[in-house]
C-alpha atoms as a PDB file:
ATOM      1  CA  MET A   1     -18.641  -1.202 -17.186  1.00  0.00           C
ATOM      2  CA  LYS A   2     -16.780  -3.836 -15.205  1.00  0.00           C
ATOM      3  CA  ARG A   3     -17.351  -5.384 -11.807  1.00  0.00           C
ATOM      4  CA  TYR A   4     -14.625  -5.268  -9.161  1.00  0.00           C
ATOM      5  CA  LEU A   5     -14.266  -6.644  -5.656  1.00  0.00           C
ATOM      6  CA  ILE A   6     -11.764  -4.920  -3.383  1.00  0.00           C
ATOM      7  CA  SER A   7     -10.731  -6.643  -0.176  1.00  0.00           C
ATOM      8  CA  GLY A   8      -9.648  -4.051   2.359  1.00  0.00           C
ATOM      9  CA  GLY A   9     -11.525  -1.542   0.239  1.00  0.00           C
ATOM     10  CA  ALA A  10     -12.395   0.808   3.107  1.00  0.00           C
ATOM     11  CA  GLY A  11      -8.739   1.394   3.963  1.00  0.00           C
ATOM     12  CA  PHE A  12      -6.382   4.183   2.939  1.00  0.00           C
ATOM     13  CA  ILE A  13      -5.465   2.922  -0.541  1.00  0.00           C
ATOM     14  CA  GLY A  14      -8.529   0.697  -0.988  1.00  0.00           C
ATOM     15  CA  SER A  15     -11.099   3.455  -0.524  1.00  0.00           C
ATOM     16  CA  ALA A  16      -9.299   5.790  -2.941  1.00  0.00           C
ATOM     17  CA  LEU A  17      -9.209   2.970  -5.509  1.00  0.00           C
ATOM     18  CA  ALA A  18     -12.861   2.076  -4.930  1.00  0.00           C
ATOM     19  CA  ASN A  19     -14.004   5.666  -5.313  1.00  0.00           C
ATOM     20  CA  GLN A  20     -11.988   6.183  -8.506  1.00  0.00           C
ATOM     21  CA  LEU A  21     -13.387   3.025 -10.087  1.00  0.00           C
ATOM     22  CA  ALA A  22     -16.955   3.904  -9.051  1.00  0.00           C
ATOM     23  CA  THR A  23     -16.583   7.448 -10.413  1.00  0.00           C
ATOM     24  CA  ALA A  24     -15.461   5.935 -13.719  1.00  0.00           C
ATOM     25  CA  GLY A  25     -18.791   4.078 -13.892  1.00  0.00           C
ATOM     26  CA  HIS A  26     -17.788   0.608 -12.738  1.00  0.00           C
ATOM     27  CA  GLU A  27     -19.647  -1.561 -10.249  1.00  0.00           C
ATOM     28  CA  VAL A  28     -17.534  -1.797  -7.105  1.00  0.00           C
ATOM     29  CA  ARG A  29     -17.949  -4.186  -4.199  1.00  0.00           C
ATOM     30  CA  VAL A  30     -15.910  -3.850  -1.019  1.00  0.00           C
ATOM     31  CA  ILE A  31     -15.282  -6.238   1.852  1.00  0.00           C
ATOM     32  CA  ASP A  32     -13.487  -4.881   4.912  1.00  0.00           C
ATOM     33  CA  ASP A  33     -13.513  -5.827   8.591  1.00  0.00           C
ATOM     34  CA  LEU A  34     -13.034  -2.133   9.532  1.00  0.00           C
ATOM     35  CA  THR A  35     -10.075  -2.867  11.805  1.00  0.00           C
ATOM     36  CA  THR A  36      -8.438   0.181  10.260  1.00  0.00           C
ATOM     37  CA  GLY A  37     -10.839   1.069   7.443  1.00  0.00           C
ATOM     38  CA  ASN A  38     -13.625   3.643   7.426  1.00  0.00           C
ATOM     39  CA  ARG A  39     -16.904   2.915   5.687  1.00  0.00           C
ATOM     40  CA  ASP A  40     -17.701   6.641   5.487  1.00  0.00           C
ATOM     41  CA  SER A  41     -14.768   7.132   3.125  1.00  0.00           C
ATOM     42  CA  LEU A  42     -16.619   5.236   0.375  1.00  0.00           C
ATOM     43  CA  LEU A  43     -19.033   6.731  -2.161  1.00  0.00           C
ATOM     44  CA  PRO A  44     -22.712   5.764  -1.664  1.00  0.00           C
ATOM     45  CA  SER A  45     -22.792   3.796  -4.927  1.00  0.00           C
ATOM     46  CA  ILE A  46     -20.237   1.286  -3.646  1.00  0.00           C
ATOM     47  CA  HIS A  47     -21.623  -1.982  -2.272  1.00  0.00           C
ATOM     48  CA  PHE A  48     -20.018  -2.426   1.149  1.00  0.00           C
ATOM     49  CA  THR A  49     -19.889  -5.630   3.187  1.00  0.00           C
ATOM     50  CA  ARG A  50     -18.334  -5.817   6.609  1.00  0.00           C
ATOM     51  CA  GLY A  51     -16.527  -9.120   6.846  1.00  0.00           C
ATOM     52  CA  ASP A  52     -13.327 -11.111   7.148  1.00  0.00           C
ATOM     53  CA  VAL A  53     -11.336 -11.911   4.014  1.00  0.00           C
ATOM     54  CA  GLN A  54     -10.899 -15.459   5.349  1.00  0.00           C
ATOM     55  CA  ASP A  55     -14.673 -16.064   5.182  1.00  0.00           C
ATOM     56  CA  VAL A  56     -14.670 -18.051   1.934  1.00  0.00           C
ATOM     57  CA  SER A  57     -18.447 -18.483   1.722  1.00  0.00           C
ATOM     58  CA  ARG A  58     -19.070 -14.745   2.060  1.00  0.00           C
ATOM     59  CA  LEU A  59     -16.336 -14.008  -0.466  1.00  0.00           C
ATOM     60  CA  TRP A  60     -17.899 -16.462  -2.895  1.00  0.00           C
ATOM     61  CA  SER A  61     -21.230 -14.633  -2.778  1.00  0.00           C
ATOM     62  CA  LEU A  62     -19.524 -11.292  -3.423  1.00  0.00           C
ATOM     63  CA  LEU A  63     -17.466 -12.670  -6.310  1.00  0.00           C
ATOM     64  CA  GLN A  64     -20.372 -13.585  -8.566  1.00  0.00           C
ATOM     65  CA  ASP A  65     -19.878 -12.033 -12.039  1.00  0.00           C
ATOM     66  CA  VAL A  66     -16.781 -10.107 -10.882  1.00  0.00           C
ATOM     67  CA  ASP A  67     -14.215  -9.361 -13.594  1.00  0.00           C
ATOM     68  CA  CYS A  68     -11.213  -8.626 -11.370  1.00  0.00           C
ATOM     69  CA  VAL A  69     -10.309  -8.705  -7.681  1.00  0.00           C
ATOM     70  CA  TYR A  70      -8.015  -6.326  -5.848  1.00  0.00           C
ATOM     71  CA  HIS A  71      -6.548  -7.883  -2.724  1.00  0.00           C
ATOM     72  CA  LEU A  72      -5.551  -5.096  -0.331  1.00  0.00           C
ATOM     73  CA  ALA A  73      -6.782  -6.518   2.982  1.00  0.00           C
ATOM     74  CA  ALA A  74      -3.754  -6.839   5.254  1.00  0.00           C
ATOM     75  CA  ARG A  75      -2.070  -5.779   8.452  1.00  0.00           C
ATOM     76  CA  VAL A  76       0.686  -3.341   7.499  1.00  0.00           C
ATOM     77  CA  SER A  77       2.833  -2.398  10.515  1.00  0.00           C
ATOM     78  CA  VAL A  78       6.378  -3.757  10.573  1.00  0.00           C
ATOM     79  CA  ALA A  79       6.748  -3.020  14.299  1.00  0.00           C
ATOM     80  CA  GLU A  80       3.421  -4.665  15.152  1.00  0.00           C
ATOM     81  CA  SER A  81       4.304  -7.734  13.092  1.00  0.00           C
ATOM     82  CA  ILE A  82       7.387  -8.300  15.240  1.00  0.00           C
ATOM     83  CA  LEU A  83       5.125  -8.459  18.301  1.00  0.00           C
ATOM     84  CA  TYR A  84       2.327 -10.502  16.686  1.00  0.00           C
ATOM     85  CA  PRO A  85       3.766 -12.597  13.831  1.00  0.00           C
ATOM     86  CA  GLY A  86       0.966 -15.148  14.094  1.00  0.00           C
ATOM     87  CA  ASP A  87      -1.670 -12.512  13.294  1.00  0.00           C
ATOM     88  CA  TYR A  88       0.287 -11.373  10.257  1.00  0.00           C
ATOM     89  CA  ASN A  89       0.669 -14.912   8.991  1.00  0.00           C
ATOM     90  CA  ARG A  90      -3.021 -15.649   9.523  1.00  0.00           C
ATOM     91  CA  ILE A  91      -4.379 -12.448   8.004  1.00  0.00           C
ATOM     92  CA  ASN A  92      -1.862 -11.514   5.311  1.00  0.00           C
ATOM     93  CA  THR A  93      -0.926 -14.982   4.125  1.00  0.00           C
ATOM     94  CA  GLY A  94      -4.036 -16.946   5.069  1.00  0.00           C
ATOM     95  CA  GLY A  95      -6.299 -14.216   3.711  1.00  0.00           C
ATOM     96  CA  ALA A  96      -4.647 -14.427   0.295  1.00  0.00           C
ATOM     97  CA  VAL A  97      -5.138 -18.194   0.184  1.00  0.00           C
ATOM     98  CA  SER A  98      -8.797 -17.923   1.224  1.00  0.00           C
ATOM     99  CA  LEU A  99      -9.418 -15.340  -1.474  1.00  0.00           C
ATOM    100  CA  MET A 100      -7.870 -17.537  -4.158  1.00  0.00           C
ATOM    101  CA  GLU A 101     -10.038 -20.476  -3.085  1.00  0.00           C
ATOM    102  CA  ALA A 102     -13.169 -18.344  -3.340  1.00  0.00           C
ATOM    103  CA  MET A 103     -12.083 -16.964  -6.738  1.00  0.00           C
ATOM    104  CA  ARG A 104     -11.558 -20.470  -8.088  1.00  0.00           C
ATOM    105  CA  ASP A 105     -15.016 -21.545  -6.987  1.00  0.00           C
ATOM    106  CA  ALA A 106     -16.654 -18.370  -8.366  1.00  0.00           C
ATOM    107  CA  GLY A 107     -14.771 -18.491 -11.666  1.00  0.00           C
ATOM    108  CA  VAL A 108     -13.042 -15.103 -11.374  1.00  0.00           C
ATOM    109  CA  SER A 109     -10.132 -14.819 -13.785  1.00  0.00           C
ATOM    110  CA  ARG A 110      -7.758 -12.073 -12.460  1.00  0.00           C
ATOM    111  CA  VAL A 111      -6.441 -10.797  -9.138  1.00  0.00           C
ATOM    112  CA  VAL A 112      -4.173  -7.835  -8.419  1.00  0.00           C
ATOM    113  CA  LEU A 113      -2.282  -8.145  -5.134  1.00  0.00           C
ATOM    114  CA  ALA A 114      -1.052  -5.096  -3.236  1.00  0.00           C
ATOM    115  CA  SER A 115       2.312  -6.320  -2.006  1.00  0.00           C
ATOM    116  CA  SER A 116       5.109  -4.249  -0.471  1.00  0.00           C
ATOM    117  CA  GLY A 117       8.609  -2.994  -1.147  1.00  0.00           C
ATOM    118  CA  ALA A 118       9.394  -4.316   2.332  1.00  0.00           C
ATOM    119  CA  VAL A 119       9.977  -7.768   0.813  1.00  0.00           C
ATOM    120  CA  TYR A 120      13.406  -6.589  -0.411  1.00  0.00           C
ATOM    121  CA  GLY A 121      14.852  -5.916   3.053  1.00  0.00           C
ATOM    122  CA  THR A 122      18.450  -4.703   3.226  1.00  0.00           C
ATOM    123  CA  GLN A 123      20.066  -4.507  -0.207  1.00  0.00           C
ATOM    124  CA  SER A 124      23.503  -3.223  -1.191  1.00  0.00           C
ATOM    125  CA  GLN A 125      22.398  -2.213  -4.698  1.00  0.00           C
ATOM    126  CA  GLN A 126      19.847   0.570  -5.110  1.00  0.00           C
ATOM    127  CA  PRO A 127      17.358   1.082  -6.604  1.00  0.00           C
ATOM    128  CA  VAL A 128      16.040  -2.454  -6.220  1.00  0.00           C
ATOM    129  CA  GLN A 129      14.726  -4.355  -9.218  1.00  0.00           C
ATOM    130  CA  GLU A 130      12.098  -7.077  -9.257  1.00  0.00           C
ATOM    131  CA  SER A 131      14.836  -9.626 -10.011  1.00  0.00           C
ATOM    132  CA  THR A 132      16.769  -8.697  -6.842  1.00  0.00           C
ATOM    133  CA  VAL A 133      17.287 -11.607  -4.435  1.00  0.00           C
ATOM    134  CA  LEU A 134      14.851 -10.895  -1.617  1.00  0.00           C
ATOM    135  CA  ASN A 135      15.880 -10.468   2.007  1.00  0.00           C
ATOM    136  CA  PRO A 136      12.704  -9.911   4.063  1.00  0.00           C
ATOM    137  CA  ASP A 137      13.579  -8.857   7.610  1.00  0.00           C
ATOM    138  CA  SER A 138      10.233  -8.719   9.436  1.00  0.00           C
ATOM    139  CA  PRO A 139       7.173 -10.956   9.796  1.00  0.00           C
ATOM    140  CA  TYR A 140       5.239  -8.322   7.811  1.00  0.00           C
ATOM    141  CA  ALA A 141       7.653  -8.598   4.901  1.00  0.00           C
ATOM    142  CA  VAL A 142       7.621 -12.412   5.083  1.00  0.00           C
ATOM    143  CA  SER A 143       3.806 -12.458   5.092  1.00  0.00           C
ATOM    144  CA  LYS A 144       3.613 -10.257   1.981  1.00  0.00           C
ATOM    145  CA  LEU A 145       6.182 -12.380   0.161  1.00  0.00           C
ATOM    146  CA  ALA A 146       4.295 -15.529   1.157  1.00  0.00           C
ATOM    147  CA  ALA A 147       1.056 -13.999  -0.166  1.00  0.00           C
ATOM    148  CA  GLU A 148       2.794 -13.220  -3.468  1.00  0.00           C
ATOM    149  CA  THR A 149       4.113 -16.769  -3.754  1.00  0.00           C
ATOM    150  CA  TYR A 150       0.753 -18.301  -2.902  1.00  0.00           C
ATOM    151  CA  ILE A 151      -1.303 -16.292  -5.378  1.00  0.00           C
ATOM    152  CA  HIS A 152       1.119 -16.892  -8.250  1.00  0.00           C
ATOM    153  CA  THR A 153       1.458 -20.616  -7.488  1.00  0.00           C
ATOM    154  CA  ILE A 154      -2.265 -21.162  -7.003  1.00  0.00           C
ATOM    155  CA  GLY A 155      -3.023 -18.998 -10.026  1.00  0.00           C
ATOM    156  CA  ARG A 156      -0.767 -21.181 -12.164  1.00  0.00           C
ATOM    157  CA  LEU A 157      -2.427 -24.351 -10.883  1.00  0.00           C
ATOM    158  CA  TRP A 158      -5.990 -23.079 -11.294  1.00  0.00           C
ATOM    159  CA  GLY A 159      -5.710 -20.869 -14.372  1.00  0.00           C
ATOM    160  CA  ILE A 160      -6.220 -17.522 -12.600  1.00  0.00           C
ATOM    161  CA  GLU A 161      -4.308 -14.478 -13.868  1.00  0.00           C
ATOM    162  CA  THR A 162      -2.222 -12.910 -11.095  1.00  0.00           C
ATOM    163  CA  VAL A 163      -0.151  -9.736 -10.823  1.00  0.00           C
ATOM    164  CA  SER A 164       1.595  -8.419  -7.719  1.00  0.00           C
ATOM    165  CA  LEU A 165       2.440  -4.746  -7.184  1.00  0.00           C
ATOM    166  CA  ARG A 166       5.235  -4.097  -4.683  1.00  0.00           C
ATOM    167  CA  ILE A 167       4.169  -0.718  -3.334  1.00  0.00           C
ATOM    168  CA  PHE A 168       6.787   1.386  -1.578  1.00  0.00           C
ATOM    169  CA  ASN A 169       6.061   4.135   1.012  1.00  0.00           C
ATOM    170  CA  ALA A 170       2.592   5.340   0.054  1.00  0.00           C
ATOM    171  CA  TYR A 171       1.285   8.571   1.594  1.00  0.00           C
ATOM    172  CA  GLY A 172      -1.483  11.104   1.033  1.00  0.00           C
ATOM    173  CA  PRO A 173      -4.647  12.683   2.455  1.00  0.00           C
ATOM    174  CA  GLY A 174      -6.609  10.325   4.670  1.00  0.00           C
ATOM    175  CA  GLN A 175      -3.599   8.251   5.694  1.00  0.00           C
ATOM    176  CA  PRO A 176      -4.321   6.649   9.086  1.00  0.00           C
ATOM    177  CA  LEU A 177      -2.783   8.038  12.255  1.00  0.00           C
ATOM    178  CA  PRO A 178      -2.953   5.147  14.737  1.00  0.00           C
ATOM    179  CA  VAL A 179      -1.798   5.800  18.280  1.00  0.00           C
ATOM    180  CA  SER A 180       1.188   3.504  17.806  1.00  0.00           C
ATOM    181  CA  HIS A 181       3.303   2.760  14.718  1.00  0.00           C
ATOM    182  CA  ALA A 182       1.828   5.552  12.572  1.00  0.00           C
ATOM    183  CA  PRO A 183       3.382   5.996   9.087  1.00  0.00           C
ATOM    184  CA  VAL A 184       6.228   8.487   9.077  1.00  0.00           C
ATOM    185  CA  VAL A 185       4.752  11.062   6.667  1.00  0.00           C
ATOM    186  CA  SER A 186       1.399  11.469   8.394  1.00  0.00           C
ATOM    187  CA  ARG A 187       2.977  11.252  11.862  1.00  0.00           C
ATOM    188  CA  PHE A 188       5.641  13.880  11.200  1.00  0.00           C
ATOM    189  CA  LEU A 189       3.281  16.231   9.366  1.00  0.00           C
ATOM    190  CA  ARG A 190       0.749  16.069  12.188  1.00  0.00           C
ATOM    191  CA  GLN A 191       3.460  16.792  14.766  1.00  0.00           C
ATOM    192  CA  ALA A 192       4.793  19.637  12.647  1.00  0.00           C
ATOM    193  CA  VAL A 193       1.498  21.500  12.216  1.00  0.00           C
ATOM    194  CA  THR A 194       0.576  21.130  15.907  1.00  0.00           C
ATOM    195  CA  GLY A 195       3.895  22.467  17.189  1.00  0.00           C
ATOM    196  CA  GLY A 196       5.336  19.143  18.274  1.00  0.00           C
ATOM    197  CA  SER A 197       8.807  17.740  17.731  1.00  0.00           C
ATOM    198  CA  VAL A 198       9.926  14.999  15.370  1.00  0.00           C
ATOM    199  CA  VAL A 199      12.479  12.388  16.430  1.00  0.00           C
ATOM    200  CA  LEU A 200      15.127  11.545  13.837  1.00  0.00           C
ATOM    201  CA  TYR A 201      16.602   8.153  14.643  1.00  0.00           C
ATOM    202  CA  GLY A 202      20.089   7.683  13.267  1.00  0.00           C
ATOM    203  CA  GLY A 203      20.083  11.366  12.405  1.00  0.00           C
ATOM    204  CA  GLY A 204      17.291  10.836   9.866  1.00  0.00           C
ATOM    205  CA  GLN A 205      19.640   9.371   7.259  1.00  0.00           C
ATOM    206  CA  GLN A 206      17.390   6.444   6.303  1.00  0.00           C
ATOM    207  CA  VAL A 207      16.322   6.803   2.664  1.00  0.00           C
ATOM    208  CA  ARG A 208      12.864   5.825   1.438  1.00  0.00           C
ATOM    209  CA  ASP A 209      10.846   5.920  -1.783  1.00  0.00           C
ATOM    210  CA  PHE A 210       7.708   7.978  -1.050  1.00  0.00           C
ATOM    211  CA  VAL A 211       4.886   7.557  -3.566  1.00  0.00           C
ATOM    212  CA  PHE A 212       1.681   9.599  -3.552  1.00  0.00           C
ATOM    213  CA  LEU A 213      -1.715   7.942  -3.131  1.00  0.00           C
ATOM    214  CA  SER A 214      -3.124   8.920  -6.535  1.00  0.00           C
ATOM    215  CA  ASP A 215      -0.076   7.458  -8.310  1.00  0.00           C
ATOM    216  CA  VAL A 216      -0.546   4.169  -6.438  1.00  0.00           C
ATOM    217  CA  VAL A 217      -4.225   4.092  -7.382  1.00  0.00           C
ATOM    218  CA  ASP A 218      -3.378   4.754 -11.031  1.00  0.00           C
ATOM    219  CA  SER A 219      -1.009   1.786 -11.017  1.00  0.00           C
ATOM    220  CA  LEU A 220      -3.675  -0.479  -9.553  1.00  0.00           C
ATOM    221  CA  VAL A 221      -6.193   0.602 -12.192  1.00  0.00           C
ATOM    222  CA  GLN A 222      -3.625  -0.017 -14.928  1.00  0.00           C
ATOM    223  CA  ALA A 223      -2.757  -3.466 -13.536  1.00  0.00           C
ATOM    224  CA  ALA A 224      -6.339  -4.672 -13.896  1.00  0.00           C
ATOM    225  CA  GLU A 225      -6.420  -3.803 -17.598  1.00  0.00           C
ATOM    226  CA  ALA A 226      -2.845  -4.337 -18.786  1.00  0.00           C
ATOM    227  CA  PRO A 227      -2.091  -7.254 -21.123  1.00  0.00           C
ATOM    228  CA  ASN A 228       0.815  -9.650 -20.646  1.00  0.00           C
ATOM    229  CA  VAL A 229       1.252  -9.123 -16.904  1.00  0.00           C
ATOM    230  CA  ASN A 230       0.219 -12.581 -15.758  1.00  0.00           C
ATOM    231  CA  ARG A 231       2.512 -13.867 -12.924  1.00  0.00           C
ATOM    232  CA  GLU A 232       4.438 -10.586 -12.883  1.00  0.00           C
ATOM    233  CA  VAL A 233       5.716  -8.697  -9.852  1.00  0.00           C
ATOM    234  CA  ILE A 234       6.079  -4.951 -10.425  1.00  0.00           C
ATOM    235  CA  ASN A 235       7.556  -2.177  -8.286  1.00  0.00           C
ATOM    236  CA  ILE A 236       5.358   0.853  -7.649  1.00  0.00           C
ATOM    237  CA  GLY A 237       7.128   3.890  -6.225  1.00  0.00           C
ATOM    238  CA  SER A 238       8.377   7.303  -7.226  1.00  0.00           C
ATOM    239  CA  GLY A 239      11.756   5.964  -8.292  1.00  0.00           C
ATOM    240  CA  ASN A 240      13.422   8.609  -6.116  1.00  0.00           C
ATOM    241  CA  GLY A 241      15.056   8.329  -2.701  1.00  0.00           C
ATOM    242  CA  THR A 242      14.436  10.850   0.084  1.00  0.00           C
ATOM    243  CA  SER A 243      16.081  10.731   3.494  1.00  0.00           C
ATOM    244  CA  ILE A 244      13.903  11.221   6.556  1.00  0.00           C
ATOM    245  CA  ALA A 245      15.822  14.431   7.312  1.00  0.00           C
ATOM    246  CA  GLN A 246      15.085  15.659   3.778  1.00  0.00           C
ATOM    247  CA  LEU A 247      11.430  14.769   4.297  1.00  0.00           C
ATOM    248  CA  VAL A 248      11.342  17.122   7.278  1.00  0.00           C
ATOM    249  CA  ASP A 249      13.036  19.818   5.161  1.00  0.00           C
ATOM    250  CA  GLN A 250      10.268  19.438   2.579  1.00  0.00           C
ATOM    251  CA  MET A 251       7.608  19.696   5.272  1.00  0.00           C
ATOM    252  CA  GLU A 252       9.143  22.923   6.560  1.00  0.00           C
ATOM    253  CA  SER A 253       8.931  24.413   3.070  1.00  0.00           C
ATOM    254  CA  VAL A 254       5.311  23.341   2.635  1.00  0.00           C
ATOM    255  CA  ILE A 255       4.012  24.643   5.974  1.00  0.00           C
ATOM    256  CA  ASN A 256       6.467  27.572   6.067  1.00  0.00           C
ATOM    257  CA  LYS A 257       7.391  26.788   9.632  1.00  0.00           C
ATOM    258  CA  LYS A 258      10.487  25.553  11.412  1.00  0.00           C
ATOM    259  CA  ILE A 259      10.098  22.042  12.811  1.00  0.00           C
ATOM    260  CA  ASN A 260      11.829  21.130  16.059  1.00  0.00           C
ATOM    261  CA  ARG A 261      14.039  18.080  15.508  1.00  0.00           C
ATOM    262  CA  ILE A 262      15.210  15.708  18.214  1.00  0.00           C
ATOM    263  CA  ILE A 263      18.234  13.759  17.017  1.00  0.00           C
ATOM    264  CA  ASN A 264      18.720  10.212  18.317  1.00  0.00           C
ATOM    265  CA  ALA A 265      21.965   9.226  16.599  1.00  0.00           C
ATOM    266  CA  GLU A 266      22.422   5.992  18.532  1.00  0.00           C
ATOM    267  CA  ARG A 267      19.250   4.245  17.446  1.00  0.00           C
ATOM    268  CA  THR A 268      18.209   3.489  13.877  1.00  0.00           C
ATOM    269  CA  THR A 269      14.990   2.012  12.503  1.00  0.00           C
ATOM    270  CA  GLY A 270      14.493  -0.224   9.483  1.00  0.00           C
ATOM    271  CA  VAL A 271      16.748  -0.705   6.475  1.00  0.00           C
ATOM    272  CA  LYS A 272      19.191   2.084   5.639  1.00  0.00           C
ATOM    273  CA  THR A 273      18.039   2.634   2.056  1.00  0.00           C
ATOM    274  CA  LEU A 274      15.142   1.325  -0.024  1.00  0.00           C
ATOM    275  CA  ILE A 275      14.319   2.798  -3.437  1.00  0.00           C
ATOM    276  CA  GLY A 276      12.298   1.081  -6.142  1.00  0.00           C
ATOM    277  CA  ASP A 277      13.348   0.784  -9.767  1.00  0.00           C
ATOM    278  CA  ILE A 278      10.068   1.538 -11.581  1.00  0.00           C
ATOM    279  CA  SER A 279      11.214   0.943 -15.159  1.00  0.00           C
ATOM    280  CA  LYS A 280       9.248  -2.306 -15.371  1.00  0.00           C
ATOM    281  CA  ALA A 281       6.068  -0.523 -14.243  1.00  0.00           C
ATOM    282  CA  THR A 282       6.601   2.082 -16.944  1.00  0.00           C
ATOM    283  CA  GLN A 283       7.159  -0.595 -19.576  1.00  0.00           C
ATOM    284  CA  MET A 284       4.354  -2.986 -18.629  1.00  0.00           C
ATOM    285  CA  LEU A 285       1.712  -0.658 -17.179  1.00  0.00           C
ATOM    286  CA  GLY A 286       2.510   2.693 -18.739  1.00  0.00           C
ATOM    287  CA  TYR A 287       3.017   3.888 -15.159  1.00  0.00           C
ATOM    288  CA  ARG A 288       4.576   7.303 -14.646  1.00  0.00           C
ATOM    289  CA  PRO A 289       4.235   8.945 -11.230  1.00  0.00           C
ATOM    290  CA  LYS A 290       2.793  12.430 -11.560  1.00  0.00           C
ATOM    291  CA  VAL A 291       3.022  13.861  -8.015  1.00  0.00           C
ATOM    292  CA  SER A 292       6.328  14.972  -6.525  1.00  0.00           C
ATOM    293  CA  LEU A 293       6.960  14.770  -2.789  1.00  0.00           C
ATOM    294  CA  ALA A 294       6.604  18.550  -2.420  1.00  0.00           C
ATOM    295  CA  GLN A 295       3.307  18.497  -4.318  1.00  0.00           C
ATOM    296  CA  GLY A 296       2.050  15.528  -2.314  1.00  0.00           C
ATOM    297  CA  LEU A 297       2.814  17.156   1.032  1.00  0.00           C
ATOM    298  CA  GLU A 298       1.139  20.349  -0.185  1.00  0.00           C
ATOM    299  CA  ARG A 299      -1.996  18.394  -1.062  1.00  0.00           C
ATOM    300  CA  MET A 300      -2.020  16.717   2.347  1.00  0.00           C
ATOM    301  CA  ALA A 301      -1.801  20.115   4.039  1.00  0.00           C
ATOM    302  CA  GLN A 302      -4.583  21.531   1.859  1.00  0.00           C
ATOM    303  CA  GLU A 303      -7.013  18.601   1.665  1.00  0.00           C
ATOM    304  CA  ASP A 304      -6.783  16.929   5.084  1.00  0.00           C
ATOM    305  CA  ASN A 305      -7.970  18.932   8.089  1.00  0.00           C
ATOM    306  CA  ARG A 306      -5.655  17.001  10.406  1.00  0.00           C
ATOM    307  CA  PHE A 307      -2.661  18.557   8.705  1.00  0.00           C
ATOM    308  CA  LYS A 308      -3.739  22.191   8.609  1.00  0.00           C
ATOM    309  CA  LEU A 309      -1.685  24.636  10.670  1.00  0.00           C
ATOM    310  CA  LYS A 310      -3.159  25.256  14.110  1.00  0.00           C
END
C-alpha cells in the first residue's frame, strides 16, 4: 500500500484516478476547492479536504507520509483564460509553486504533473514530439508550460523527482458540461442525444487527438511507479488524429441518429491540427491506449445518463 495526495482530485480526471488507486488498496487523500469538482464522485474510503492548492500550511498537513503527489488542480478553459489570464497564472502556475514548497517541507519525493498538449500551439509537423519547440498561444497554455518549468526547476534544486504528462483531449463519462466553454466531445454528444444542432467552425476540419479517460488514468498510475522518468515530459494521447467533422460522424454511428450540423466556414477555433506522438510514453511508461474513439463514445452513451437518447 502507498499513500497518495491528489490536488484537484474531485475533478473529471482526478476523481477517476483517486477511485482507481483506492480500489487497488492504496490510501488516497484529495484536496479540491470544488470550483468544478464533485465530492460525491469519490469513493467513501478516500480522505477528502476542501481547500485551495495555494494553502501551503494545509497542504503540508495532508502531505505527511505521502509517497507521491498528483498535481491536477487547475483551470482548464482556453477561452476563459483569454478573458482572465491573471486567474490562470495565479491558480495554474502559482498553485504548482505552492505545492512544491509544501512537498519540500514535508519531505515528499515525487510529483506527477498533469500538463497539457496545448503547450505545443500551432506546429507544422505532426504528430508533435516532446522535443518540439513549443509555441503556446493562450494564457492557459502558457500557465501549464510555466507550471512544468517550475516543478522541474524546483525539483532539481530541492531533490524532488518530477514528471510531467502532456495530456491531449481527454474525454469520457462524467466529463463536465459547464454552461460556457464546455469540452467539444461532451458538448456535441449532449446536443446530439437531445435533438440539438452542432456548430462546425471552419467546416469542422480542425484535427485533435482524443484520448479516453481510463487510458489517461492508466498513464498517471504508471508515471508514479515508473523508473528513470525524473525530469521527463511525456505526451499522453491516442496517437491518432480525428477531425471535428469526423467526431460527429462517429457520434452518429454510436447513437444511430442523424445529427444536424450548422457549418460556419468563416470562423475557426484553435490550432488547425494537434496530434501527440506517444512513442515516448510507450517506451518509458509501457503506455498503450486501449479504448478507441468509437468505443469511448459508446461507453459515454451507455454509462452517463446525460448522454442517453431522449
